[in-house]
């Protein structure tokens, strides 16, 4: 394998991991509406969990739609 191809493959792998981490943290932040879990009431925590679950389901459905 060419060294250039190997470097490109590794760069893509690390970039994909970084982008996925950023997307996960952004959806988590959006579901919490910018508050830390310690500052939230139990009702707000439950709503944030529901929002995060809904975002996860939407992500799965988008993946499924791309497959079809």
Protein backbone atom coordinates (compact mmCIF):
# COMPACT_ATOMS: atom_id res chain seq x y z
CA UNK A 1 0.00 0.00 0.00
CA UNK A 2 1.19 3.48 -0.83
CA UNK A 3 2.23 5.64 2.14
CA UNK A 4 0.03 8.50 0.93
CA UNK A 5 -3.06 6.25 0.87
CA UNK A 6 -2.26 4.97 4.36
CA UNK A 7 -1.96 8.51 5.72
CA UNK A 8 -5.23 9.53 4.05
CA UNK A 9 -6.98 6.49 5.50
CA UNK A 10 -5.77 7.30 9.02
CA UNK A 11 -6.71 10.97 8.65
CA UNK A 12 -10.22 10.03 7.51
CA UNK A 13 -10.58 7.66 10.46
CA UNK A 14 -9.57 10.29 13.02
CA UNK A 15 -11.64 13.01 11.37
CA UNK A 16 -14.72 10.76 11.36
CA UNK A 17 -14.27 10.06 15.07
CA UNK A 18 -13.88 13.77 15.84
CA UNK A 19 -16.95 14.77 13.82
CA UNK A 20 -19.06 12.03 15.40
CA UNK A 21 -17.97 13.13 18.88
CA UNK A 22 -18.88 16.71 18.05
CA UNK A 23 -22.30 15.72 16.76
CA UNK A 24 -23.02 13.59 19.82
CA UNK A 25 -22.01 16.36 22.22
CA UNK A 26 -24.03 18.95 20.27
CA UNK A 27 -27.22 16.87 20.37
CA UNK A 28 -26.67 16.24 24.07
CA UNK A 29 -26.17 19.98 24.68
CA UNK A 30 -29.27 20.84 22.65
CA UNK A 31 -31.41 18.29 24.47
CA UNK A 32 -30.31 19.74 27.82
CA UNK A 33 -30.92 23.29 26.51
CA UNK A 34 -27.49 24.34 27.68
CA UNK A 35 -27.97 23.46 31.34
CA UNK A 36 -25.82 21.12 33.36
CA UNK A 37 -27.67 18.07 34.73
CA UNK A 38 -26.95 19.24 38.29
CA UNK A 39 -28.85 22.50 37.67
CA UNK A 40 -31.91 20.77 36.25
CA UNK A 41 -35.07 19.76 38.07
CA UNK A 42 -36.13 16.11 37.82
CA UNK A 43 -38.82 17.11 35.28
CA UNK A 44 -36.24 18.89 33.14
CA UNK A 45 -33.94 15.87 33.34
CA UNK A 46 -36.75 13.58 32.19
CA UNK A 47 -37.57 15.93 29.32
CA UNK A 48 -33.90 16.10 28.31
CA UNK A 49 -33.70 12.30 28.32
CA UNK A 50 -36.80 12.10 26.12
CA UNK A 51 -35.33 14.67 23.72
CA UNK A 52 -32.04 12.75 23.54
CA UNK A 53 -33.89 9.48 22.89
CA UNK A 54 -35.93 11.18 20.16
CA UNK A 55 -32.76 12.52 18.54
CA UNK A 56 -31.22 9.03 18.64
CA UNK A 57 -34.33 7.55 16.99
CA UNK A 58 -34.25 10.25 14.30
CA UNK A 59 -30.58 9.47 13.64
CA UNK A 60 -31.37 5.76 13.29
CA UNK A 61 -34.27 6.46 10.94
CA UNK A 62 -32.09 8.72 8.79
CA UNK A 63 -29.49 5.95 8.58
CA UNK A 64 -32.18 3.45 7.62
CA UNK A 65 -33.55 5.83 4.98
CA UNK A 66 -30.12 6.22 3.43
CA UNK A 67 -29.78 2.43 3.22
CA UNK A 68 -33.01 2.07 1.31
